[in-house]
N, C-alpha and C. Protein backbone atom coordinates (compact mmCIF):
# COMPACT_ATOMS: atom_id res chain seq x y z
N MET A 1 44.57 52.31 56.87
CA MET A 1 44.79 52.20 55.85
C MET A 1 45.22 53.82 54.97
N LEU A 2 43.78 54.07 56.20
CA LEU A 2 43.23 56.03 55.56
C LEU A 2 44.35 56.71 56.43
N ALA A 3 44.90 56.71 57.47
CA ALA A 3 46.36 57.23 58.51
C ALA A 3 47.27 57.25 57.69
N GLU A 4 48.11 55.87 56.57
CA GLU A 4 48.61 56.28 56.08
C GLU A 4 48.60 57.03 54.75
N LYS A 5 47.63 57.56 54.15
CA LYS A 5 47.70 58.00 53.25
C LYS A 5 46.89 59.29 53.47
N LYS A 6 47.79 59.87 55.20
CA LYS A 6 47.06 61.43 55.47
C LYS A 6 45.78 62.11 54.96
N VAL A 7 45.06 60.74 55.85
CA VAL A 7 44.25 61.75 55.04
C VAL A 7 43.68 62.51 56.24
N LYS A 8 42.89 63.55 56.30
CA LYS A 8 43.25 65.00 57.33
C LYS A 8 41.91 64.49 58.16
N ALA A 9 40.60 64.10 57.54
CA ALA A 9 39.15 63.50 57.75
C ALA A 9 38.63 62.52 56.26
N ILE A 10 37.47 63.09 57.55
CA ILE A 10 35.84 61.57 56.49
C ILE A 10 34.27 62.67 56.36
N ILE A 11 34.54 62.73 56.09
CA ILE A 11 32.70 63.39 55.71
C ILE A 11 31.79 62.77 55.24
N VAL A 12 30.96 62.02 56.21
CA VAL A 12 30.13 60.59 55.58
C VAL A 12 28.41 61.13 55.87
N LYS A 13 27.88 60.54 55.49
CA LYS A 13 26.67 60.26 54.70
C LYS A 13 25.30 59.72 56.12
N ASN A 14 26.56 58.47 56.14
CA ASN A 14 25.44 57.49 57.11
C ASN A 14 26.43 57.18 57.80
N GLU A 15 26.16 57.44 59.33
CA GLU A 15 27.11 57.47 60.82
C GLU A 15 27.87 55.87 60.57
N PRO A 16 29.29 55.50 60.21
CA PRO A 16 30.55 54.24 60.09
C PRO A 16 30.00 53.65 61.71
N SER A 17 30.25 52.62 61.21
CA SER A 17 30.30 51.25 62.28
C SER A 17 30.63 51.56 63.46
N HIS A 18 31.13 50.58 64.83
CA HIS A 18 31.38 51.49 65.86
C HIS A 18 32.89 50.88 66.22
N THR A 19 33.75 49.99 65.34
CA THR A 19 34.35 49.90 65.40
C THR A 19 35.67 50.67 63.50
N ALA A 20 34.51 50.42 63.11
CA ALA A 20 35.56 51.91 62.39
C ALA A 20 35.66 53.38 62.54
N GLN A 21 34.79 53.37 63.81
CA GLN A 21 34.92 54.98 64.13
C GLN A 21 36.36 54.83 65.84
N ARG A 22 35.99 53.79 65.39
CA ARG A 22 37.34 53.64 67.15
C ARG A 22 38.77 53.57 66.64
N ARG A 23 38.71 52.80 65.55
CA ARG A 23 39.54 52.98 64.66
C ARG A 23 40.24 54.55 63.87
N LEU A 24 39.18 55.01 63.37
CA LEU A 24 40.00 56.01 63.35
C LEU A 24 39.97 57.39 64.32
N LEU A 25 39.64 57.09 65.28
CA LEU A 25 39.73 57.78 66.47
C LEU A 25 40.89 57.31 67.00
N GLU A 26 41.49 55.65 67.08
CA GLU A 26 43.18 55.56 67.31
C GLU A 26 43.83 56.51 66.16
N ALA A 27 44.09 56.14 65.19
CA ALA A 27 44.04 56.77 63.65
C ALA A 27 44.41 58.57 64.07
N GLU A 28 43.39 58.90 64.50
CA GLU A 28 43.71 60.74 64.89
C GLU A 28 42.96 61.52 63.44
N ILE A 29 41.97 60.12 62.96
CA ILE A 29 40.89 60.86 61.82
C ILE A 29 38.92 61.27 61.62
N PRO A 30 39.37 62.70 62.45
CA PRO A 30 37.97 63.10 62.82
C PRO A 30 36.42 62.49 61.27
N VAL A 31 35.49 62.60 61.29
CA VAL A 31 34.78 62.31 61.16
C VAL A 31 33.15 63.07 61.10
N PHE A 32 33.05 63.16 60.55
CA PHE A 32 32.58 64.19 60.43
C PHE A 32 30.90 64.55 59.35
N SER A 33 29.94 64.52 59.30
CA SER A 33 27.91 64.32 59.13
C SER A 33 28.34 65.69 57.55
N VAL A 34 28.03 64.94 56.77
CA VAL A 34 27.59 66.57 56.27
C VAL A 34 26.78 67.11 56.28
N ASP A 35 26.07 66.64 57.79
CA ASP A 35 24.80 67.38 58.43
C ASP A 35 24.85 67.94 59.28
N ASP A 36 26.96 68.73 59.57
CA ASP A 36 27.30 68.58 60.37
C ASP A 36 28.10 70.49 60.02
N LEU A 37 28.47 70.16 58.28
CA LEU A 37 28.92 70.85 57.46
C LEU A 37 28.00 71.65 56.82
N ARG A 38 28.46 72.53 56.10
CA ARG A 38 28.45 73.54 54.47
C ARG A 38 28.77 72.65 53.40
N LEU A 39 28.81 72.13 52.72
CA LEU A 39 28.71 71.93 51.62
C LEU A 39 27.84 72.51 50.59
N LYS A 40 29.03 72.85 50.24
CA LYS A 40 28.48 73.37 48.11
C LYS A 40 28.20 72.12 47.95
N ALA A 41 27.23 71.93 46.54
CA ALA A 41 26.66 70.87 45.26
C ALA A 41 27.22 72.56 43.45
N ALA A 42 28.72 72.21 43.43
CA ALA A 42 27.79 72.70 42.29
C ALA A 42 28.61 71.82 41.21
N ALA A 43 27.76 71.64 40.33
CA ALA A 43 27.99 70.54 39.05
C ALA A 43 28.28 69.06 39.24
N GLY A 44 27.42 68.29 40.43
CA GLY A 44 27.37 66.89 40.84
C GLY A 44 29.09 66.39 41.69
N ILE A 45 29.79 68.09 42.29
CA ILE A 45 30.18 67.49 42.81
C ILE A 45 29.92 68.53 44.50
N MET A 46 30.56 67.83 45.05
CA MET A 46 30.69 69.05 47.09
C MET A 46 31.63 68.75 47.11
N THR A 47 31.17 70.62 47.34
CA THR A 47 33.05 70.98 47.87
C THR A 47 32.88 71.71 49.35
N ILE A 48 33.50 72.12 49.74
CA ILE A 48 33.71 72.76 51.19
C ILE A 48 34.38 73.95 51.60
N ASP A 49 33.79 74.57 51.94
CA ASP A 49 35.32 75.92 52.50
C ASP A 49 36.69 75.92 52.91
N ARG A 50 37.75 75.64 52.83
CA ARG A 50 39.07 74.36 53.04
C ARG A 50 39.00 75.76 54.81
N ASP A 51 38.56 76.72 54.75
CA ASP A 51 39.14 77.55 56.43
C ASP A 51 37.75 76.46 57.09
N ALA A 52 36.83 76.71 56.80
CA ALA A 52 35.49 76.32 57.36
C ALA A 52 36.08 74.49 58.24
N LEU A 53 36.75 73.81 56.40
CA LEU A 53 37.31 72.61 57.47
C LEU A 53 38.25 72.48 58.60
N ASP A 54 39.23 73.68 58.04
CA ASP A 54 40.47 73.09 59.17
C ASP A 54 39.85 73.91 60.44
N LYS A 55 38.93 74.64 60.65
CA LYS A 55 38.33 75.10 61.31
C LYS A 55 37.91 73.94 62.67
N LYS A 56 37.43 73.64 61.96
CA LYS A 56 36.25 71.64 62.24
C LYS A 56 37.05 71.18 62.95
N ILE A 57 38.31 70.89 61.68
CA ILE A 57 39.59 69.96 62.64
C ILE A 57 40.17 70.06 63.56
N GLU A 58 40.27 70.99 63.75
CA GLU A 58 41.67 71.56 64.57
C GLU A 58 40.34 71.90 66.16
N ASP A 59 39.02 72.02 66.09
CA ASP A 59 38.18 71.49 66.85
C ASP A 59 38.13 70.18 67.14
N TRP A 60 37.66 69.71 66.73
CA TRP A 60 38.28 68.37 67.25
C TRP A 60 39.06 67.34 67.87
N HIS A 61 40.71 68.10 66.91
CA HIS A 61 41.65 67.39 67.96
C HIS A 61 41.87 68.17 68.92
N LYS A 62 40.77 69.65 69.67
CA LYS A 62 41.27 70.14 70.70
C LYS A 62 40.58 69.06 72.20
N LYS A 63 39.37 68.52 70.84
CA LYS A 63 38.20 68.25 72.09
C LYS A 63 38.30 66.61 72.23
N THR A 64 38.77 65.48 70.96
CA THR A 64 39.63 64.37 71.74
C THR A 64 40.63 64.33 72.38
N SER A 65 41.16 65.38 73.30
CA SER A 65 42.71 65.72 72.93
C SER A 65 42.28 65.26 74.48
N GLU A 66 41.39 66.46 75.02
CA GLU A 66 40.42 66.06 76.44
C GLU A 66 40.07 65.43 76.24
N ILE A 67 39.10 64.83 75.76
CA ILE A 67 38.64 63.54 76.21
C ILE A 67 39.71 62.22 76.58
N LYS A 68 40.86 62.16 75.57
CA LYS A 68 41.52 60.94 76.39
C LYS A 68 42.04 61.68 77.25
N ARG A 69 42.30 62.58 77.35
CA ARG A 69 43.82 63.31 79.16
C ARG A 69 42.40 62.37 80.14
N GLN A 70 41.88 62.82 79.61
CA GLN A 70 40.12 62.62 81.04
C GLN A 70 40.62 61.26 81.21
N GLU A 71 39.90 60.46 80.05
CA GLU A 71 40.13 59.19 80.35
C GLU A 71 41.88 58.61 81.02
N ARG A 72 42.36 59.42 81.06
CA ARG A 72 43.54 59.23 81.46
C ARG A 72 43.44 59.01 82.47
N THR A 73 43.57 60.09 83.11
CA THR A 73 42.96 60.84 84.69
C THR A 73 42.66 60.15 85.27
N GLU A 74 41.50 59.62 84.13
CA GLU A 74 40.07 58.18 84.87
C GLU A 74 41.15 56.64 85.83
N TRP A 75 41.53 56.80 84.26
CA TRP A 75 42.64 55.76 84.77
C TRP A 75 43.61 55.33 85.81
N LEU A 76 44.32 55.93 85.43
CA LEU A 76 44.99 56.23 87.13
C LEU A 76 44.45 56.63 88.35
N GLU A 77 43.21 57.10 87.99
CA GLU A 77 42.65 57.32 89.44
C GLU A 77 42.52 56.22 90.08
N SER A 78 41.85 55.47 88.97
CA SER A 78 41.52 54.14 89.11
C SER A 78 42.18 53.26 89.85
N MET A 79 43.01 52.79 89.52
CA MET A 79 44.78 51.97 89.81
C MET A 79 45.00 52.73 90.45
N VAL A 80 45.78 53.43 91.29
CA VAL A 80 45.18 54.79 92.49
C VAL A 80 44.78 53.23 93.59
N GLU A 81 43.24 53.67 92.96
CA GLU A 81 41.96 53.68 94.45
C GLU A 81 42.92 51.62 94.57
N THR A 82 43.21 51.67 93.77
CA THR A 82 42.84 49.55 93.82
C THR A 82 44.13 49.75 94.55
N TYR A 83 44.78 50.33 94.17
CA TYR A 83 46.21 50.19 94.60
C TYR A 83 46.13 50.46 96.84
N LYS A 84 45.34 51.57 96.76
CA LYS A 84 45.19 51.96 98.26
C LYS A 84 44.40 50.93 98.35
N SER A 85 43.42 50.31 98.09
CA SER A 85 42.56 49.00 98.95
C SER A 85 43.21 47.77 99.61
N LYS A 86 43.62 47.88 98.29
CA LYS A 86 44.15 46.41 98.09
C LYS A 86 46.02 46.24 98.98
N ARG A 87 46.78 47.82 98.64
CA ARG A 87 47.69 47.87 100.17
C ARG A 87 46.68 47.74 101.95
N GLY A 88 46.05 48.50 101.65
CA GLY A 88 45.38 48.94 103.49
C GLY A 88 44.82 47.60 104.12
N GLY A 89 44.55 46.64 102.96
CA GLY A 89 44.24 45.70 103.04
C GLY A 89 45.17 44.46 103.93
N TYR A 90 46.02 44.99 102.88
CA TYR A 90 47.61 43.25 103.39
C TYR A 90 47.22 44.31 104.31
N ILE A 91 47.65 46.37 104.49
CA ILE A 91 48.33 46.36 105.82
C ILE A 91 47.11 46.09 106.94
N GLN A 92 46.14 45.90 107.01
CA GLN A 92 45.30 45.96 107.64
C GLN A 92 45.38 44.29 108.27
N LYS A 93 45.65 43.15 107.95
CA LYS A 93 45.97 41.43 108.49
C LYS A 93 47.58 41.71 108.66
N LYS A 94 48.07 42.78 108.52
CA LYS A 94 49.60 42.54 108.80
C LYS A 94 49.57 42.77 110.34
N SER A 95 48.31 43.40 110.93
CA SER A 95 48.27 44.10 111.63
C SER A 95 47.02 43.45 113.15
N MET A 96 46.67 42.36 112.21
CA MET A 96 45.97 42.19 113.48
C MET A 96 46.68 40.48 114.87
N PRO A 97 46.51 39.96 115.75
CA PRO A 97 46.74 39.72 116.25
C PRO A 97 46.92 38.18 115.48
């Protein structure tokens, strides 16, 4: 729902549930804690410097892309190792008299 609204980021006071975090990550919507940002209060409204928020979002996307790349690499390596172990077992069984 938030991805459809083109939300760029979410700022929270309390950490969202694991399920919510996962869905937001899948939708590539960063979640930031109010403690991690320099928010300014004026007349009961919280504001943030747009350039600072854009930088934080950009950093999040870079970090997330690296994590996803690493996860794909580890998955592929495990698939190759599984294939090798199964294929190696098959070759060994075939060559036995």
